Amino acid sequence: MSLPQLLLQASGVTKRFGGVQALSEVTFSIREGEIYGLIGPNGAGKTTLFNVLTGIYAADAGAFSFAGRSLACLKPNHVAEAGIARTFQNIRLFVNLSALENVMIGRHSRSKAGVIGAVLRNKRTLAEEKSIEKRSLELLDYVGIRARANDAAGTLSYGDQRRLEIARALATEPKLLALDEPAAGMNPAERLALGKLIRRIRDDRTTVLLIEHDVRLVMNICDRVMVLDYGEKIAEGTPAEVQKDPKVIEAYLGAPRAA
C-alpha cells in the first residue's frame, strides 16, 4: 500500500530577529490526511514557524512548498486562498459580531459575488449569501456551538471561542488546518472533546498541523510529531519514538536521562 502524497514540504526554513535565531534550517514534510504535531519548550520557535508558513513573516532562507506550489512571498490572504487556514495562540475574533457572523466572514473568502454583487444585492448574490449562512450554521454545529450562533463572540466561554475560531478557519475550505495552541485555557473535559474534534476533522479529509503545549493531547492524537528547541529540529517521528528520544527528554527536563 502506497503512502499518502506529501501535502506540505519545508526545506531549510530559517528566520532571525536581530541577534535572535528563531528558526535554524528547519526541514520537515506533512502527508495528506495526517495530524502532525509540533511541540517544544517556550521560545522554541513554534509560532514563528507558523507565522512564516502563513505569510506573516518572510523566511530569511529556505522555502515551503504546498500541494506542489511554492509559498514564497505570498501574503497571508493568498496563503489562505492556496488552502492553508490557521488559528492563533491569542484568540482573534470579531468580539462584537455574532458567532454566526464570524464564521460567515471566513466563508466569504470563497464567495464569488464580488464588490458589484455585494452592492447591487442581485438574485445571485442573495442566493450565495443564503448558502454562506447555511454552511456557517453547519460548521457551528460541527464544532458543537450552534446553540450560540446568535450570541456575540465576546460573550462565549474561552473554550467555545476556541471552537469558533476553528469553525471560521474551516469555513475557508482548507486542505491544511494549522492550529496554534487550541487547547489553551480549556479544562480537561474540553480538551478531551477538542481531541475528538481534531480527529474528526482529519477523518473528514482535512490535514492538521498542531502546535500544543498539552503534550498528552499531542501524543494521543498525532500521527507524527516534530520537536523544536531553540529554533532547531531536535526530533521527529511517531509519538512513541519522540517520547523516548534523549534530546527531547533533555529539552523538557533540562538534564539528560539517567542511564
Protein backbone atom coordinates (compact mmCIF):
# COMPACT_ATOMS: atom_id res chain seq x y z
CA MET A 1 0.00 0.00 0.00
CA SER A 2 1.47 3.36 -1.04
CA LEU A 3 1.91 6.21 1.41
CA PRO A 4 -0.35 9.29 1.14
CA GLN A 5 1.02 12.09 -1.01
CA LEU A 6 3.08 14.88 0.52
CA LEU A 7 0.99 17.99 1.09
CA LEU A 8 3.46 20.36 2.76
CA GLN A 9 7.23 20.39 2.47
CA ALA A 10 9.53 22.72 4.40
CA SER A 11 13.18 22.88 3.44
CA GLY A 12 15.85 24.66 5.47
CA VAL A 13 13.47 27.30 6.85
CA THR A 14 15.46 29.95 8.72
CA LYS A 15 14.37 33.14 10.49
CA ARG A 16 16.27 35.70 12.58
CA PHE A 17 15.01 38.65 14.60
CA GLY A 18 18.02 40.87 15.15
CA GLY A 19 20.52 38.74 17.05
CA VAL A 20 17.99 36.02 17.87
CA GLN A 21 17.98 32.87 15.74
CA ALA A 22 14.27 31.98 15.89
CA LEU A 23 14.47 29.16 13.31
CA SER A 24 17.55 27.38 12.01
CA GLU A 25 17.28 25.30 8.84
CA VAL A 26 14.06 23.53 9.82
CA THR A 27 13.10 20.77 7.38
CA PHE A 28 10.03 18.55 7.56
CA SER A 29 7.09 17.29 5.50
CA ILE A 30 3.42 16.54 6.14
CA ARG A 31 1.43 13.93 4.26
CA GLU A 32 -2.20 14.28 3.26
CA GLY A 33 -4.55 13.05 5.99
CA GLU A 34 -2.09 13.37 8.87
CA ILE A 35 -2.37 15.03 12.23
CA TYR A 36 1.16 16.40 12.56
CA GLY A 37 2.20 17.74 15.93
CA LEU A 38 4.73 20.47 16.66
CA ILE A 39 5.97 20.72 20.23
CA GLY A 40 8.85 22.27 22.14
CA PRO A 41 9.65 24.36 25.22
CA ASN A 42 8.66 28.04 25.40
CA GLY A 43 10.67 30.08 22.91
CA ALA A 44 11.43 27.07 20.73
CA GLY A 45 10.19 28.81 17.56
CA LYS A 46 6.87 27.02 17.08
CA THR A 47 4.66 30.05 16.49
CA THR A 48 7.40 31.71 14.42
CA LEU A 49 7.30 28.67 12.13
CA PHE A 50 3.52 29.07 11.79
CA ASN A 51 3.93 32.76 11.03
CA VAL A 52 6.49 32.10 8.31
CA LEU A 53 4.35 29.34 6.84
CA THR A 54 1.26 31.54 6.68
CA GLY A 55 2.97 34.62 5.22
CA ILE A 56 3.04 36.84 8.31
CA TYR A 57 6.85 36.75 8.30
CA ALA A 58 9.16 36.19 5.35
CA ALA A 59 11.78 33.47 5.77
CA ASP A 60 15.41 34.57 5.68
CA ALA A 61 16.31 31.29 3.98
CA GLY A 62 14.61 28.06 2.97
CA ALA A 63 11.18 27.52 1.48
CA PHE A 64 7.74 25.98 1.85
CA SER A 65 6.01 24.02 -0.89
CA PHE A 66 2.29 23.30 -0.55
CA ALA A 67 0.42 20.92 -2.85
CA GLY A 68 3.31 21.29 -5.28
CA ARG A 69 3.25 25.10 -5.22
CA SER A 70 5.83 27.42 -3.69
CA LEU A 71 4.55 29.69 -0.93
CA ALA A 72 7.46 32.13 -1.32
CA CYS A 73 6.47 35.81 -0.99
CA LEU A 74 2.76 35.05 -0.63
CA LYS A 75 0.72 37.33 1.62
CA PRO A 76 -1.48 35.73 4.32
CA ASN A 77 -4.67 36.07 2.26
CA HIS A 78 -3.02 34.34 -0.70
CA VAL A 79 -1.75 31.55 1.57
CA ALA A 80 -5.36 31.09 2.72
CA GLU A 81 -6.54 31.02 -0.89
CA ALA A 82 -3.94 28.31 -1.58
CA GLY A 83 -5.62 26.14 1.05
CA ILE A 84 -3.97 26.80 4.43
CA ALA A 85 -6.13 28.10 7.28
CA ARG A 86 -4.92 28.83 10.80
CA THR A 87 -6.00 29.79 14.28
CA PHE A 88 -3.91 31.95 16.60
CA GLN A 89 -2.34 31.48 20.02
CA ASN A 90 -4.14 34.66 21.10
CA ILE A 91 -7.77 34.41 20.01
CA ARG A 92 -8.62 36.79 17.17
CA LEU A 93 -12.38 37.06 16.80
CA PHE A 94 -14.70 39.95 16.00
CA VAL A 95 -15.99 40.04 19.56
CA ASN A 96 -18.95 42.35 18.89
CA LEU A 97 -20.23 40.24 15.98
CA SER A 98 -22.22 37.07 16.48
CA ALA A 99 -20.65 33.63 16.29
CA LEU A 100 -22.51 33.09 13.02
CA GLU A 101 -21.23 36.34 11.53
CA ASN A 102 -17.66 35.43 12.47
CA VAL A 103 -17.91 32.17 10.54
CA MET A 104 -19.63 33.86 7.61
CA ILE A 105 -16.68 36.26 7.34
CA GLY A 106 -14.40 33.26 6.90
CA ARG A 107 -16.77 31.75 4.37
CA HIS A 108 -16.83 34.96 2.30
CA SER A 109 -13.22 34.26 1.28
CA ARG A 110 -14.68 31.59 -1.03
CA SER A 111 -17.58 33.70 -2.31
CA LYS A 112 -17.95 34.70 -5.96
CA ALA A 113 -20.26 37.71 -5.82
CA GLY A 114 -17.54 40.34 -5.65
CA VAL A 115 -17.95 44.02 -4.85
CA ILE A 116 -20.56 44.74 -7.55
CA GLY A 117 -22.76 41.86 -6.46
CA ALA A 118 -22.48 42.92 -2.82
CA VAL A 119 -23.60 46.47 -3.71
CA LEU A 120 -26.42 45.56 -6.11
CA ARG A 121 -27.71 42.67 -3.98
CA ASN A 122 -28.92 40.84 -7.09
CA LYS A 123 -30.61 37.44 -7.06
CA ARG A 124 -27.34 35.56 -7.45
CA THR A 125 -25.74 37.45 -4.56
CA LEU A 126 -28.71 36.87 -2.27
CA ALA A 127 -28.69 33.15 -3.08
CA GLU A 128 -24.99 32.93 -2.34
CA GLU A 129 -25.44 34.81 0.94
CA LYS A 130 -28.12 32.33 1.97
CA SER A 131 -25.79 29.46 1.09
CA ILE A 132 -22.97 31.03 3.12
CA GLU A 133 -25.26 31.36 6.14
CA LYS A 134 -26.41 27.77 5.81
CA ARG A 135 -22.86 26.42 5.61
CA SER A 136 -21.75 28.61 8.51
CA LEU A 137 -24.53 27.21 10.70
CA GLU A 138 -23.46 23.69 9.70
CA LEU A 139 -19.90 24.47 10.80
CA LEU A 140 -21.07 25.84 14.14
CA ASP A 141 -22.96 22.59 14.60
CA TYR A 142 -19.86 20.65 13.55
CA VAL A 143 -17.73 22.20 16.31
CA GLY A 144 -20.55 21.92 18.86
CA ILE A 145 -21.66 25.53 19.40
CA ARG A 146 -24.63 26.03 17.07
CA ALA A 147 -26.79 26.99 20.07
CA ARG A 148 -24.61 30.10 20.46
CA ALA A 149 -24.91 31.15 16.79
CA ASN A 150 -26.61 34.48 17.52
CA ASP A 151 -24.56 35.36 20.60
CA ALA A 152 -21.75 37.88 20.39
CA ALA A 153 -18.42 36.10 20.08
CA GLY A 154 -17.08 38.02 23.08
CA THR A 155 -19.72 36.50 25.36
CA LEU A 156 -18.71 32.91 24.61
CA SER A 157 -16.64 30.92 27.07
CA TYR A 158 -12.92 30.65 26.32
CA GLY A 159 -13.30 27.07 25.13
CA ASP A 160 -16.21 27.98 22.85
CA GLN A 161 -14.24 30.88 21.40
CA ARG A 162 -11.50 28.40 20.50
CA ARG A 163 -14.11 26.23 18.77
CA LEU A 164 -15.47 29.27 16.96
CA GLU A 165 -12.00 30.07 15.62
CA ILE A 166 -11.77 26.52 14.29
CA ALA A 167 -15.19 26.85 12.62
CA ARG A 168 -14.16 30.12 10.99
CA ALA A 169 -10.94 28.56 9.72
CA LEU A 170 -12.82 25.54 8.34
CA ALA A 171 -15.17 27.93 6.52
CA THR A 172 -12.33 28.69 4.08
CA GLU A 173 -12.34 25.02 2.98
CA PRO A 174 -8.66 24.42 3.79
CA LYS A 175 -6.56 21.48 2.73
CA LEU A 176 -4.38 22.11 5.79
CA LEU A 177 -5.68 23.42 9.11
CA ALA A 178 -2.92 24.88 11.30
CA LEU A 179 -3.94 25.12 14.96
CA ASP A 180 -1.81 27.24 17.31
CA GLU A 181 -2.39 26.01 20.88
CA PRO A 182 -6.13 25.35 20.52
CA ALA A 183 -6.35 23.72 23.98
CA ALA A 184 -5.02 26.80 25.81
CA GLY A 185 -7.41 27.77 28.61
CA MET A 186 -9.51 24.62 28.31
CA ASN A 187 -10.41 22.35 31.19
CA PRO A 188 -9.76 18.56 30.96
CA ALA A 189 -13.24 17.78 29.62
CA GLU A 190 -12.95 20.47 26.95
CA ARG A 191 -9.52 19.17 25.94
CA LEU A 192 -10.87 15.66 25.56
CA ALA A 193 -13.67 16.96 23.34
CA LEU A 194 -11.16 19.01 21.35
CA GLY A 195 -9.08 15.91 20.68
CA LYS A 196 -12.16 14.16 19.30
CA LEU A 197 -12.97 17.17 17.12
CA ILE A 198 -9.43 17.29 15.67
CA ARG A 199 -9.60 13.58 14.84
CA ARG A 200 -12.96 14.14 13.17
CA ILE A 201 -11.55 16.99 11.09
CA ARG A 202 -8.76 14.70 9.91
CA ASP A 203 -11.19 11.86 9.23
CA ASP A 204 -13.19 14.30 7.09
CA ARG A 205 -10.10 14.75 4.90
CA THR A 206 -8.54 17.92 6.24
CA THR A 207 -4.89 17.57 7.18
CA VAL A 208 -3.98 19.11 10.56
CA LEU A 209 -0.80 20.81 11.79
CA LEU A 210 -0.99 21.22 15.56
CA ILE A 211 1.09 23.34 17.95
CA GLU A 212 0.21 22.45 21.51
CA HIS A 213 1.71 22.73 24.98
CA ASP A 214 -0.50 19.89 26.20
CA VAL A 215 1.95 17.11 25.35
CA ARG A 216 -0.52 14.42 26.40
CA LEU A 217 -3.05 15.68 23.85
CA VAL A 218 -0.41 15.72 21.11
CA MET A 219 0.80 12.22 21.90
CA ASN A 220 -2.75 10.87 21.96
CA ILE A 221 -3.95 12.23 18.62
CA CYS A 222 -0.96 12.93 16.37
CA ASP A 223 0.37 10.53 13.75
CA ARG A 224 3.83 12.12 13.78
CA VAL A 225 5.47 14.77 15.92
CA MET A 226 8.33 17.20 15.41
CA VAL A 227 10.17 18.78 18.33
CA LEU A 228 11.82 22.20 18.17
CA ASP A 229 14.28 23.58 20.69
CA TYR A 230 15.93 27.00 20.31
CA GLY A 231 14.75 27.11 16.71
CA GLU A 232 16.26 23.77 15.70
CA LYS A 233 14.54 20.48 14.94
CA ILE A 234 15.83 18.01 17.50
CA ALA A 235 13.49 15.08 16.85
CA GLU A 236 10.76 13.81 14.55
CA GLY A 237 8.80 10.58 14.46
CA THR A 238 5.82 8.78 15.91
CA PRO A 239 4.69 9.86 19.38
CA ALA A 240 6.24 6.72 20.87
CA GLU A 241 9.58 7.41 19.18
CA VAL A 242 9.67 11.07 20.18
CA GLN A 243 8.84 10.41 23.83
CA LYS A 244 11.89 8.14 24.12
CA ASP A 245 14.33 10.48 22.37
CA PRO A 246 17.10 11.62 24.78
CA LYS A 247 17.27 15.08 23.17
CA VAL A 248 13.56 15.61 23.77
CA ILE A 249 13.81 14.48 27.36
CA GLU A 250 16.74 16.84 27.91
CA ALA A 251 14.89 19.77 26.30
CA TYR A 252 11.86 19.33 28.55
CA LEU A 253 13.54 18.27 31.77
CA GLY A 254 16.71 20.32 31.47
CA ALA A 255 19.02 17.36 32.01
CA PRO A 256 19.85 14.19 30.11
CA ARG A 257 18.07 10.99 31.07
CA ALA A 258 19.86 8.94 33.67
CA ALA A 259 21.37 5.66 32.46
